[in-house]
Protein backbone atom coordinates (compact mmCIF):
# COMPACT_ATOMS: atom_id res chain seq x y z
CA UNK A 1 -80.32 -25.68 123.39
CA UNK A 2 -79.38 -28.02 120.48
CA UNK A 3 -76.01 -28.92 119.71
CA UNK A 4 -75.14 -26.99 116.58
CA UNK A 5 -76.40 -23.93 118.37
CA UNK A 6 -74.18 -24.57 121.26
CA UNK A 7 -71.33 -25.42 119.21
CA UNK A 8 -71.67 -21.79 117.58
CA UNK A 9 -71.72 -20.57 121.08
CA UNK A 10 -68.74 -22.26 122.04
CA UNK A 11 -66.95 -20.48 118.84
CA UNK A 12 -68.34 -17.08 120.30
CA UNK A 13 -65.29 -15.74 122.07
CA UNK A 14 -62.78 -16.52 119.49
CA UNK A 15 -65.20 -14.89 116.86
CA UNK A 16 -65.63 -11.89 119.22
CA UNK A 17 -62.03 -11.57 119.63
CA UNK A 18 -61.56 -11.33 115.68
CA UNK A 19 -64.22 -8.83 115.22
CA UNK A 20 -62.95 -6.57 117.87
CA UNK A 21 -59.17 -6.75 117.11
CA UNK A 22 -59.43 -7.06 112.87
CA UNK A 23 -63.04 -5.64 112.52
CA UNK A 24 -63.31 -3.01 114.78
CA UNK A 25 -59.58 -2.28 114.95
CA UNK A 26 -59.94 -2.16 119.01
CA UNK A 27 -56.50 -2.64 120.61
CA UNK A 28 -55.95 -6.11 122.34
CA UNK A 29 -55.59 -4.39 125.88
CA UNK A 30 -59.40 -3.17 125.42
CA UNK A 31 -60.73 -6.10 123.77
CA UNK A 32 -59.51 -9.16 125.45
CA UNK A 33 -60.68 -8.10 128.94
CA UNK A 34 -64.33 -8.09 127.21
CA UNK A 35 -63.56 -11.53 125.58
CA UNK A 36 -62.66 -12.89 128.96
CA UNK A 37 -65.70 -11.59 130.53
CA UNK A 38 -67.93 -13.29 127.77
CA UNK A 39 -66.24 -16.59 127.88
CA UNK A 40 -66.57 -16.58 131.52
CA UNK A 41 -70.38 -15.79 131.39
CA UNK A 42 -70.99 -18.43 128.67
CA UNK A 43 -69.21 -20.76 130.92
CA UNK A 44 -71.23 -20.13 133.74
CA UNK A 45 -74.82 -19.58 132.49
CA UNK A 46 -74.79 -21.66 129.06
CA UNK A 47 -72.25 -24.39 130.07
CA UNK A 48 -73.37 -24.33 133.82
CA UNK A 49 -69.91 -24.59 134.91
CA UNK A 50 -69.56 -23.59 138.54
CA UNK A 51 -68.38 -20.49 139.82
CA UNK A 52 -65.68 -22.36 141.83
CA UNK A 53 -64.37 -23.63 138.60
CA UNK A 54 -64.65 -20.55 136.53
CA UNK A 55 -62.52 -18.98 139.18
CA UNK A 56 -59.95 -21.93 139.71
CA UNK A 57 -59.66 -21.83 135.82
CA UNK A 58 -58.80 -17.98 136.05
CA UNK A 59 -56.13 -18.64 138.77
CA UNK A 60 -54.51 -21.34 136.38
CA UNK A 61 -54.60 -19.28 133.71
CA UNK A 62 -52.76 -16.53 135.80
CA UNK A 63 -50.30 -18.81 136.93
CA UNK A 64 -49.53 -19.81 133.38
CA UNK A 65 -49.35 -16.02 132.54
CA UNK A 66 -46.71 -15.66 135.18
CA UNK A 67 -44.44 -18.20 133.56
CA UNK A 68 -44.91 -16.78 130.14
CA UNK A 69 -44.25 -13.25 131.33
CA UNK A 70 -40.97 -14.64 133.19
CA UNK A 71 -39.75 -15.92 129.80
CA UNK A 72 -40.86 -12.52 127.98
CA UNK A 73 -38.93 -10.68 130.77
CA UNK A 74 -35.71 -12.97 130.33
CA UNK A 75 -35.89 -12.56 126.49
CA UNK A 76 -36.16 -8.81 126.28
CA UNK A 77 -33.85 -7.95 129.22
CA UNK A 78 -31.04 -10.19 127.54
CA UNK A 79 -31.51 -8.41 124.27
CA UNK A 80 -31.61 -5.07 125.87
CA UNK A 81 -28.58 -5.85 128.00
CA UNK A 82 -26.47 -6.75 124.80
CA UNK A 83 -27.72 -3.52 123.20
CA UNK A 84 -26.40 -1.41 126.18
CA UNK A 85 -23.52 -3.30 126.43
CA UNK A 86 -22.38 -2.91 122.73
CA UNK A 87 -22.68 -6.39 121.88
CA UNK A 88 -25.46 -5.72 119.18
CA UNK A 89 -23.60 -3.18 117.52
CA UNK A 90 -20.45 -5.51 117.53
CA UNK A 91 -22.47 -8.12 115.99
CA UNK A 92 -24.08 -5.54 113.45
CA UNK A 93 -20.36 -4.56 112.26
CA UNK A 94 -19.56 -8.17 111.89
CA UNK A 95 -22.03 -8.44 109.05
CA UNK A 96 -21.24 -5.26 107.00
CA UNK A 97 -18.07 -6.78 105.04
CA UNK A 98 -19.35 -10.38 104.06
CA UNK A 99 -20.56 -9.59 100.61
CA UNK A 100 -21.65 -6.51 98.72
CA UNK A 101 -24.27 -8.53 97.13
CA UNK A 102 -28.06 -7.26 98.80
CA UNK A 103 -29.66 -10.91 98.39
CA UNK A 104 -26.58 -12.55 100.15
CA UNK A 105 -26.84 -9.86 102.91
CA UNK A 106 -30.71 -10.62 103.16
CA UNK A 107 -29.95 -14.46 103.71
CA UNK A 108 -27.22 -13.66 106.04
CA UNK A 109 -28.72 -10.79 108.34
CA UNK A 110 -32.38 -11.72 107.96
CA UNK A 111 -32.74 -15.65 107.54
CA UNK A 112 -29.90 -16.66 109.72
CA UNK A 113 -29.20 -13.98 112.28
CA UNK A 114 -32.84 -13.13 112.42
CA UNK A 115 -33.66 -16.72 113.05
CA UNK A 116 -31.28 -16.75 115.86
CA UNK A 117 -32.47 -13.67 117.71
CA UNK A 118 -35.98 -15.59 117.15
CA UNK A 119 -35.00 -18.73 118.87
CA UNK A 120 -33.29 -16.65 121.83
CA UNK A 121 -35.75 -13.91 122.10
CA UNK A 122 -38.98 -14.32 119.99
CA UNK A 123 -41.94 -11.96 120.49
CA UNK A 124 -41.37 -9.92 117.06
CA UNK A 125 -37.76 -8.79 118.20
CA UNK A 126 -36.07 -10.46 114.93
CA UNK A 127 -38.03 -8.06 112.72
CA UNK A 128 -37.39 -5.41 114.99
CA UNK A 129 -33.49 -6.16 115.07
CA UNK A 130 -32.92 -7.19 111.37
CA UNK A 131 -34.99 -4.35 109.61
CA UNK A 132 -32.78 -1.40 111.12
CA UNK A 133 -29.58 -3.36 110.54
CA UNK A 134 -30.56 -3.89 106.95
CA UNK A 135 -31.43 -0.15 106.70
CA UNK A 136 -28.04 0.48 107.95
CA UNK A 137 -26.36 -1.84 105.50
CA UNK A 138 -28.35 0.19 102.57
CA UNK A 139 -31.73 -1.42 102.07
CA UNK A 140 -34.83 0.65 101.49
CA UNK A 141 -36.82 0.52 104.78
CA UNK A 142 -39.81 -1.10 103.41
CA UNK A 143 -38.08 -3.54 101.84
CA UNK A 144 -36.19 -4.33 105.01
CA UNK A 145 -39.49 -4.49 107.01
CA UNK A 146 -40.68 -6.76 104.26
CA UNK A 147 -37.65 -8.96 104.49
CA UNK A 148 -37.82 -8.91 108.50
CA UNK A 149 -41.35 -9.92 108.64
CA UNK A 150 -40.36 -13.10 106.47
CA UNK A 151 -38.20 -14.00 109.24
CA UNK A 152 -41.56 -14.66 111.45
CA UNK A 153 -41.92 -17.93 109.82
CA UNK A 154 -39.97 -21.19 110.16
CA UNK A 155 -37.97 -20.22 113.52
CA UNK A 156 -41.13 -18.97 115.31
CA UNK A 157 -42.51 -22.05 116.60
CA UNK A 158 -39.22 -22.55 118.50
CA UNK A 159 -38.72 -19.07 119.32
CA UNK A 160 -38.01 -17.57 122.66
CA UNK A 161 -36.37 -20.88 123.69
CA UNK A 162 -39.60 -22.88 122.27
CA UNK A 163 -42.14 -20.66 124.18
CA UNK A 164 -44.97 -21.13 121.38
CA UNK A 165 -44.70 -24.99 122.22
CA UNK A 166 -43.24 -25.07 125.80
CA UNK A 167 -46.05 -22.83 126.93
CA UNK A 168 -48.63 -22.48 123.98
CA UNK A 169 -49.11 -26.15 123.06
CA UNK A 170 -48.74 -27.56 126.83
CA UNK A 171 -50.99 -24.89 128.07
CA UNK A 172 -53.56 -25.16 125.19
CA UNK A 173 -54.05 -28.71 125.63
CA UNK A 174 -56.23 -30.77 128.47
CA UNK A 175 -52.73 -32.06 129.62
CA UNK A 176 -54.35 -34.08 132.61
CA UNK A 177 -56.85 -35.59 130.36
CA UNK A 178 -54.44 -36.68 127.59
CA UNK A 179 -52.06 -37.75 129.96
CA UNK A 180 -54.60 -40.32 131.60
CA UNK A 181 -55.83 -41.49 128.07
CA UNK A 182 -52.02 -41.90 126.85
CA UNK A 183 -51.14 -43.99 130.04
CA UNK A 184 -54.01 -46.13 129.42
CA UNK A 185 -52.46 -46.72 125.98
CA UNK A 186 -49.01 -47.53 127.51
CA UNK A 187 -47.77 -44.37 126.41
CA UNK A 188 -46.88 -40.56 128.18
CA UNK A 189 -47.47 -37.30 127.78
CA UNK A 190 -43.72 -36.86 127.01
CA UNK A 191 -43.55 -39.33 124.17
CA UNK A 192 -46.81 -37.65 122.77
CA UNK A 193 -45.31 -34.08 123.17
CA UNK A 194 -41.79 -34.93 121.75
CA UNK A 195 -43.88 -36.30 118.79
CA UNK A 196 -45.58 -33.01 118.41
CA UNK A 197 -42.22 -31.26 118.59
CA UNK A 198 -40.70 -33.62 115.76
CA UNK A 199 -43.58 -33.19 113.33
CA UNK A 200 -43.52 -29.45 113.85
CA UNK A 201 -39.67 -29.55 112.94
CA UNK A 202 -39.83 -31.61 109.95
CA UNK A 203 -42.81 -29.81 108.56
CA UNK A 204 -41.35 -26.41 109.12
CA UNK A 205 -37.95 -27.98 107.70
CA UNK A 206 -39.50 -29.06 104.35
CA UNK A 207 -41.41 -25.81 104.14
CA UNK A 208 -38.77 -23.53 105.34
CA UNK A 209 -35.88 -24.63 103.06
CA UNK A 210 -37.08 -22.19 100.29
CA UNK A 211 -37.91 -19.19 102.35
CA UNK A 212 -34.34 -17.59 101.67
CA UNK A 213 -35.02 -17.98 98.13
CA UNK A 214 -38.27 -16.31 98.67
CA UNK A 215 -36.51 -13.55 100.33
CA UNK A 216 -34.26 -13.08 97.11
CA UNK A 217 -37.35 -13.37 94.72
CA UNK A 218 -39.50 -10.73 96.58
CA UNK A 219 -36.57 -8.27 97.06
CA UNK A 220 -35.47 -8.39 93.26
CA UNK A 221 -39.12 -8.42 92.15
CA UNK A 222 -40.34 -5.48 94.21
CA UNK A 223 -37.38 -3.40 95.15
CA UNK A 224 -35.05 -4.18 92.20
CA UNK A 225 -34.20 -1.62 89.41
CA UNK A 226 -35.55 -4.27 86.78
CA UNK A 227 -38.55 -5.76 89.01
CA UNK A 228 -37.19 -9.15 87.87
CA UNK A 229 -38.36 -12.36 89.21
CA UNK A 230 -35.15 -13.99 87.40
CA UNK A 231 -32.58 -11.86 89.24
CA UNK A 232 -33.92 -13.60 92.67
CA UNK A 233 -33.85 -17.13 91.20
CA UNK A 234 -30.32 -16.59 89.85
CA UNK A 235 -29.69 -17.09 93.82
CA UNK A 236 -31.54 -20.46 93.81
CA UNK A 237 -28.31 -22.48 94.25
CA UNK A 238 -26.85 -20.36 97.12
CA UNK A 239 -30.30 -19.71 98.61
CA UNK A 240 -31.14 -23.24 98.87
CA UNK A 241 -27.88 -24.16 100.29
CA UNK A 242 -28.27 -21.69 103.07
CA UNK A 243 -31.92 -22.80 103.72
CA UNK A 244 -30.40 -26.37 104.29
CA UNK A 245 -27.74 -25.22 106.16
CA UNK A 246 -30.53 -24.10 108.77
CA UNK A 247 -33.26 -26.56 108.27
CA UNK A 248 -31.16 -29.74 108.50
CA UNK A 249 -29.76 -28.93 111.75
CA UNK A 250 -33.00 -27.34 112.87
CA UNK A 251 -34.89 -30.46 112.26
CA UNK A 252 -32.24 -32.65 113.92
CA UNK A 253 -32.24 -30.55 117.00
CA UNK A 254 -36.47 -30.67 116.96
CA UNK A 255 -36.34 -34.45 116.73
CA UNK A 256 -33.47 -35.49 119.22
CA UNK A 257 -33.28 -32.39 121.80
CA UNK A 258 -36.73 -31.12 121.94
CA UNK A 259 -38.31 -27.59 121.57
CA UNK A 260 -35.86 -25.23 123.13
CA UNK A 261 -33.14 -25.80 120.47
CA UNK A 262 -34.06 -25.94 116.97
CA UNK A 263 -34.12 -22.62 115.87
CA UNK A 264 -30.99 -21.68 117.92
CA UNK A 265 -28.92 -24.77 116.55
CA UNK A 266 -30.19 -24.21 113.16
CA UNK A 267 -29.12 -20.56 112.78
CA UNK A 268 -25.78 -21.22 114.64
CA UNK A 269 -24.98 -24.13 112.45
CA UNK A 270 -26.29 -22.11 109.45
CA UNK A 271 -24.06 -18.92 110.22
CA UNK A 272 -20.92 -21.28 110.70
CA UNK A 273 -21.07 -22.63 107.42
CA UNK A 274 -23.04 -19.99 105.09
CA UNK A 275 -20.86 -17.03 106.00
CA UNK A 276 -17.30 -18.62 105.28
CA UNK A 277 -19.17 -19.97 101.96
CA UNK A 278 -20.40 -16.54 101.02
CA UNK A 279 -16.81 -14.89 101.77
CA UNK A 280 -15.43 -17.60 99.25
CA UNK A 281 -18.49 -16.87 96.73
CA UNK A 282 -19.50 -20.56 97.22
CA UNK A 283 -22.48 -21.23 94.59
CA UNK A 284 -23.10 -17.25 94.31
CA UNK A 285 -24.06 -16.05 90.65
CA UNK A 286 -21.25 -13.95 88.80
CA UNK A 287 -23.51 -11.24 88.62
CA UNK A 288 -23.80 -9.09 91.79
CA UNK A 289 -26.88 -7.37 92.56
CA UNK A 290 -27.85 -4.17 94.08
CA UNK A 291 -30.43 -1.78 94.38
CA UNK A 292 -30.78 1.22 92.16
CA UNK A 293 -29.23 4.60 93.56
CA UNK A 294 -31.20 5.68 96.87
CA UNK A 295 -32.25 9.00 95.09
CA UNK A 296 -34.16 6.82 92.40
CA UNK A 297 -36.19 5.12 95.22
CA UNK A 298 -39.92 5.88 95.42
CA UNK A 299 -40.69 8.14 98.48
CA UNK A 300 -43.21 5.25 100.04
CA UNK A 301 -39.93 2.91 100.37
CA UNK A 302 -38.30 5.47 102.59
CA UNK A 303 -38.59 5.79 106.58
CA UNK A 304 -38.34 8.74 108.48
CA UNK A 305 -35.37 7.50 110.71
CA UNK A 306 -31.73 7.77 109.65
CA UNK A 307 -30.04 4.62 110.62
CA UNK A 308 -26.16 4.11 110.79
CA UNK A 309 -23.85 1.55 112.22
CA UNK A 310 -23.53 3.17 115.54
CA UNK A 311 -21.33 2.43 118.47
CA UNK A 312 -22.08 2.76 122.22
CA UNK A 313 -21.07 6.12 123.46
CA UNK A 314 -17.92 6.15 125.77
CA UNK A 315 -17.10 2.62 125.24
CA UNK A 316 -14.34 1.03 123.16
CA UNK A 317 -15.36 -1.32 120.07
CA UNK A 318 -16.14 -5.12 121.17
CA UNK A 319 -15.03 -7.77 119.31
CA UNK A 320 -17.33 -9.95 117.55
CA UNK A 321 -16.45 -13.11 119.52
CA UNK A 322 -17.00 -11.17 122.88
CA UNK A 323 -20.40 -9.93 121.52
CA UNK A 324 -21.42 -13.44 120.91
CA UNK A 325 -20.24 -15.16 124.15
CA UNK A 326 -23.67 -14.57 125.89
CA UNK A 327 -25.60 -16.38 123.05
CA UNK A 328 -23.03 -19.08 123.27
CA UNK A 329 -23.37 -19.33 127.02
CA UNK A 330 -27.22 -19.40 126.68
CA UNK A 331 -26.87 -22.41 124.43
CA UNK A 332 -24.66 -24.19 126.72
CA UNK A 333 -26.79 -23.70 129.70
CA UNK A 334 -29.79 -24.65 127.91
CA UNK A 335 -28.31 -27.98 126.56
CA UNK A 336 -26.71 -28.80 130.09
CA UNK A 337 -30.15 -28.13 132.02
CA UNK A 338 -32.00 -30.17 129.51
CA UNK A 339 -29.63 -33.07 129.06
CA UNK A 340 -27.70 -33.75 132.20
CA UNK A 341 -30.17 -35.41 134.74
CA UNK A 342 -28.42 -33.97 137.57
CA UNK A 343 -28.35 -30.42 136.41
CA UNK A 344 -31.93 -30.79 135.25
CA UNK A 345 -33.09 -31.95 138.64
CA UNK A 346 -31.46 -28.90 140.32
CA UNK A 347 -33.16 -26.45 137.89
CA UNK A 348 -36.62 -27.93 138.18
CA UNK A 349 -36.44 -28.29 142.06
CA UNK A 350 -35.04 -24.99 143.05
CA UNK A 351 -37.47 -22.35 144.01
CA UNK A 352 -40.26 -24.45 142.09
CA UNK A 353 -43.65 -24.07 143.26
CA UNK A 354 -47.33 -25.20 142.40
CA UNK A 355 -50.78 -25.45 143.28
CA UNK A 356 -52.68 -28.68 142.80
CA UNK A 357 -56.40 -29.07 142.64
CA UNK A 358 -56.85 -25.36 142.72
CA UNK A 359 -59.73 -24.27 144.89
CA UNK A 360 -60.42 -28.20 145.22
CA UNK A 361 -61.19 -28.43 141.70
CA UNK A 362 -59.86 -31.81 140.00
CA UNK A 363 -57.39 -31.71 137.32
CA UNK A 364 -57.02 -27.85 137.59
CA UNK A 365 -53.48 -27.72 138.73
CA UNK A 366 -50.49 -25.55 138.05
CA UNK A 367 -46.75 -25.09 138.68
CA UNK A 368 -43.79 -22.74 137.85
CA UNK A 369 -40.21 -23.76 137.78
CA UNK A 370 -38.54 -20.01 137.61
CA UNK A 371 -34.68 -21.27 137.10
CA UNK A 372 -35.79 -24.20 134.82
CA UNK A 373 -38.04 -21.78 132.52
CA UNK A 374 -35.92 -20.16 129.44
CA UNK A 375 -36.59 -16.80 131.68
CA UNK A 376 -34.66 -18.17 134.65
CA UNK A 377 -31.85 -19.42 132.39
CA UNK A 378 -31.68 -16.00 130.36
CA UNK A 379 -31.36 -14.21 133.84
CA UNK A 380 -28.16 -16.05 134.85
CA UNK A 381 -26.59 -15.19 131.45
CA UNK A 382 -27.56 -11.63 131.90
CA UNK A 383 -25.73 -11.86 135.48
CA UNK A 384 -22.71 -13.10 133.57
CA UNK A 385 -22.90 -10.65 130.84
CA UNK A 386 -23.04 -7.75 133.15
CA UNK A 387 -19.52 -8.73 134.59
CA UNK A 388 -18.23 -10.20 131.18
CA UNK A 389 -18.90 -7.06 129.11
CA UNK A 390 -18.14 -4.69 132.15
CA UNK A 391 -21.50 -2.97 132.32
CA UNK A 392 -21.92 0.05 133.88
CA UNK A 393 -24.86 -0.09 136.77
CA UNK A 394 -26.57 2.97 134.97
CA UNK A 395 -26.66 0.89 131.34
CA UNK A 396 -28.04 -2.15 133.48
CA UNK A 397 -30.57 0.17 134.88
CA UNK A 398 -31.74 1.29 131.27
CA UNK A 399 -31.98 -2.20 130.14
CA UNK A 400 -34.22 -3.06 133.13
CA UNK A 401 -36.50 -0.15 132.41
CA UNK A 402 -36.47 -0.69 128.80
CA UNK A 403 -37.68 -4.52 129.53
CA UNK A 404 -40.23 -3.76 132.28
CA UNK A 405 -41.87 -1.29 129.95
CA UNK A 406 -42.10 -3.93 127.19
CA UNK A 407 -43.28 -6.43 129.87
CA UNK A 408 -46.13 -4.20 131.19
CA UNK A 409 -47.52 -3.72 127.55
CA UNK A 410 -47.60 -7.62 126.81
CA UNK A 411 -48.49 -8.69 130.57
CA UNK A 412 -52.13 -6.78 130.45
CA UNK A 413 -53.19 -8.55 127.79
CA UNK A 414 -51.89 -11.89 128.67
CA UNK A 415 -53.63 -11.59 132.08
CA UNK A 416 -57.09 -11.81 130.56
CA UNK A 417 -56.11 -14.16 127.16
CA UNK A 418 -54.71 -17.14 129.06
CA UNK A 419 -57.41 -17.13 131.74
CA UNK A 420 -60.12 -16.94 129.21
CA UNK A 421 -58.28 -20.23 127.24
CA UNK A 422 -58.26 -22.12 130.45
CA UNK A 423 -61.94 -21.47 131.12
CA UNK A 424 -62.56 -22.84 127.48
CA UNK A 425 -60.61 -25.83 128.03
CA UNK A 426 -61.87 -26.72 131.74
CA UNK A 427 -65.51 -26.32 130.63
CA UNK A 428 -65.94 -30.00 130.20
CA UNK A 429 -66.87 -30.36 133.84
CA UNK A 430 -70.53 -28.98 134.37
CA UNK A 431 -74.07 -29.75 135.33
CA UNK A 432 -75.46 -29.46 131.71
CA UNK A 433 -73.64 -32.68 130.74
CA UNK A 434 -72.15 -30.82 127.79
CA UNK A 435 -68.69 -31.28 126.12
CA UNK A 436 -66.04 -28.80 126.73
CA UNK A 437 -66.15 -25.83 124.44
CA UNK A 438 -63.39 -26.82 122.15
CA UNK A 439 -64.91 -30.42 121.91
CA UNK A 440 -68.12 -28.71 120.93
CA UNK A 441 -66.19 -26.52 118.06
CA UNK A 442 -64.74 -29.64 116.81
CA UNK A 443 -68.04 -31.44 116.51
CA UNK A 444 -69.02 -28.26 114.32
CA UNK A 445 -65.93 -28.20 112.18
CA UNK A 446 -65.82 -32.04 111.74
CA UNK A 447 -69.53 -32.24 110.56
CA UNK A 448 -69.37 -29.17 108.31
CA UNK A 449 -65.84 -29.59 106.66
CA UNK A 450 -65.16 -33.29 106.94
CA UNK A 451 -62.05 -35.32 106.06
CA UNK A 452 -60.55 -32.47 104.08
CA UNK A 453 -60.14 -30.33 107.30
CA UNK A 454 -56.61 -31.22 107.89
CA UNK A 455 -55.66 -28.94 104.69
CA UNK A 456 -56.98 -25.82 106.52
CA UNK A 457 -55.80 -26.64 110.07
CA UNK A 458 -52.43 -24.67 109.48
CA UNK A 459 -54.65 -21.77 108.07
CA UNK A 460 -56.76 -21.85 111.26
CA UNK A 461 -53.51 -21.52 113.26
CA UNK A 462 -52.62 -18.74 111.02
CA UNK A 463 -55.81 -17.09 111.54
CA UNK A 464 -55.34 -17.34 115.29
CA UNK A 465 -51.78 -15.48 115.11
CA UNK A 466 -53.18 -12.81 112.96
CA UNK A 467 -55.95 -12.14 115.27
CA UNK A 468 -53.80 -12.34 118.45
CA UNK A 469 -50.40 -11.21 117.10
CA UNK A 470 -48.81 -14.28 118.70
CA UNK A 471 -48.12 -17.79 117.85
CA UNK A 472 -48.04 -18.82 121.56
CA UNK A 473 -51.49 -17.24 121.96
CA UNK A 474 -52.54 -19.05 118.95
CA UNK A 475 -51.55 -22.27 120.19
CA UNK A 476 -53.01 -21.65 123.54
CA UNK A 477 -56.54 -20.63 122.00
CA UNK A 478 -56.65 -23.54 119.41
CA UNK A 479 -54.51 -26.40 120.19
CA UNK A 480 -57.21 -28.10 121.97
CA UNK A 481 -60.03 -27.55 119.29
CA UNK A 482 -57.32 -28.85 116.75
CA UNK A 483 -56.71 -31.87 118.88
CA UNK A 484 -60.47 -32.79 119.40
CA UNK A 485 -61.21 -32.22 115.53
CA UNK A 486 -58.50 -34.62 114.93
CA UNK A 487 -59.82 -37.32 117.49
CA UNK A 488 -63.50 -36.95 115.81
CA UNK A 489 -61.85 -37.64 112.20
CA UNK A 490 -59.87 -40.45 113.51
CA UNK A 491 -56.67 -38.94 112.28
CA UNK A 492 -53.37 -38.48 114.28
CA UNK A 493 -54.43 -35.47 116.86
CA UNK A 494 -50.30 -34.91 117.35
CA UNK A 495 -49.96 -34.19 113.78
CA UNK A 496 -52.93 -31.96 113.64
CA UNK A 497 -51.36 -30.11 116.52
CA UNK A 498 -48.32 -29.67 114.75
CA UNK A 499 -49.83 -28.06 111.78
CA UNK A 500 -51.80 -25.77 114.31
CA UNK A 501 -48.24 -24.69 115.53
CA UNK A 502 -46.82 -24.53 112.01
CA UNK A 503 -49.48 -22.29 110.99
CA UNK A 504 -49.66 -19.99 113.85
CA UNK A 505 -45.99 -19.62 113.03
CA UNK A 506 -46.56 -18.37 109.49
CA UNK A 507 -49.22 -16.26 110.49
CA UNK A 508 -46.90 -13.87 112.11
CA UNK A 509 -45.80 -12.80 108.99
CA UNK A 510 -49.06 -10.93 108.59
CA UNK A 511 -49.65 -10.17 112.41
CA UNK A 512 -50.25 -6.85 112.34
CA UNK A 513 -48.71 -5.86 115.55
CA UNK A 514 -45.34 -7.38 114.19
CA UNK A 515 -45.49 -5.25 111.07
CA UNK A 516 -46.20 -2.13 113.32
CA UNK A 517 -43.16 -3.10 115.67
CA UNK A 518 -40.94 -3.58 112.58
CA UNK A 519 -42.15 -0.59 110.95
CA UNK A 520 -41.60 1.89 113.92
CA UNK A 521 -37.85 0.94 113.98
CA UNK A 522 -37.30 2.29 110.68
CA UNK A 523 -39.98 5.13 110.62
CA UNK A 524 -42.25 3.60 108.26
CA UNK A 525 -45.34 3.81 110.64
CA UNK A 526 -48.46 4.33 108.31
CA UNK A 527 -47.60 2.20 105.67
CA UNK A 528 -48.32 -1.17 107.05
CA UNK A 529 -50.94 -2.10 104.41
CA UNK A 530 -48.40 -2.09 101.70
CA UNK A 531 -46.21 -4.50 103.57
CA UNK A 532 -48.88 -6.76 104.41
CA UNK A 533 -49.81 -6.99 100.57
CA UNK A 534 -46.27 -8.05 100.18
CA UNK A 535 -45.89 -10.52 103.00
CA UNK A 536 -49.13 -12.24 102.10
CA UNK A 537 -47.16 -13.92 99.44
CA UNK A 538 -44.98 -16.12 101.37
CA UNK A 539 -47.63 -16.53 103.99
CA UNK A 540 -49.84 -18.28 101.24
CA UNK A 541 -46.90 -20.42 100.19
CA UNK A 542 -46.56 -21.63 103.50
CA UNK A 543 -50.09 -22.11 104.57
CA UNK A 544 -50.90 -24.19 101.11
CA UNK A 545 -47.72 -25.94 101.35
CA UNK A 546 -48.35 -27.05 105.18
CA UNK A 547 -51.99 -27.95 104.21
CA UNK A 548 -50.81 -30.43 101.55
CA UNK A 549 -47.94 -31.86 103.89
CA UNK A 550 -50.47 -32.18 106.84
CA UNK A 551 -53.04 -34.18 104.24
CA UNK A 552 -50.13 -36.30 102.79
CA UNK A 553 -49.35 -37.13 106.35
CA UNK A 554 -52.71 -38.07 107.53
CA UNK A 555 -54.05 -40.01 104.69
CA UNK A 556 -51.11 -40.78 102.52
CA UNK A 557 -48.29 -41.75 104.89
CA UNK A 558 -50.94 -42.38 107.74
CA UNK A 559 -49.01 -41.22 110.47
CA UNK A 560 -50.06 -42.25 113.65
CA UNK A 561 -49.98 -41.68 117.48
CA UNK A 562 -50.87 -43.54 120.54
CA UNK A 563 -54.22 -41.96 120.89
CA UNK A 564 -55.44 -43.35 117.65
């Protein structure tokens, strides 16, 4: 076969996933097994990979899947534990009396608290928590879902303690091959990976500073009595202040601490500054803003579930500080396990196991560090929470049951998605003397689009998230393609991968399964199309700005890395 045809064939698994998931509306649990089989067949028959290498790649993908599921399990179990202990109810109540202005409530509850939940839990949970909380505060259900979906942007790349980078980018790149090339240039994987993390944080920080203002504008224009853009713009001083209170510590954490911390630290610092500022009316407009009376709302705004500020049956109200302690403990353990060498050594080696050169295949290896992975840290916090919040065993069993059901739902899809990605990446070793499939894709794109491609790199990442419903999976599928495209164009591969991660985060605002999950919490199922028509507006802002930043970085500032 000629090279263009082989490049098109390399794209086939990703195109097939898009057709099945978006075009034919197949559920992922049905589509991804077929995509995996097609990928394996292309690798074996067209790329002439050995059966042993395809199988080894599959095993490598399954081990990576186990690491992802461990993180998901820890994140969801922590959230469910706090729900059953009464902590989430206490945190909700703590927000109710800060300000009667709905724009302020959206910024504090959605932007700041939602970003914190994203940093700690990820996987669509912020919208699922923020939307019912906003409804309980008096928001129309559709407006609450729209605002909840807008959280799925800036904090997402560092959601679930950095999973989209820790697992998505690391697992989506040919780490062994890149490490060898970096060592030849006197650099290292750790330095390259930190550069990607820093560039993701800075790009998000620049764009995300205006997201609270976007929330206010969208709220007043589409859900206000006067349908006014100006009423949202009136919040500009406070909204930009709130944006900076999050993005400045967020960027600093990304640059100096690594991928686990930006969303957590940005949100904690932001809450500590913005909540007192709101109570003191700092930078707030004189005119407060509210919705029209609920009896004037269109029927399509209303959900079928009545949501109130509930308390946990049979329990005395919990103090807000006590409710926050598990999250603060999570932040402390994470910092210690990453920053103190002796503690880091214990966490990385205790119960760790791996498989080098799986089935005898060179450069196909995997390892799992259960305690060091965020899932292990969260399990430690969960154990502490059980005693701290004096939970009953039946409450813990309920949290475990709910978390296991969520895990099984996510796990089945990942069992096929991640091995598919590893076959793509490992396809460079074959008897047909072909480049790996991501490299073949990169050849086609660089020849077709040329030097302007960096503008579209974030959009490609967003498309991956729209198809897969996940920043992490988009990064797994597309990071190596973006890396190789940058190599062929002679621009910074670290910046291109960073643009991929930023775009994949923004794509979560229009990821259908995230919209469905948020809509379900407020009884709004069946009206996802209306929500998507609203969230496409901030998504376009995010992707166009990310594309311009990437172009300026590549050709204006001319950012470089060790592989240029």
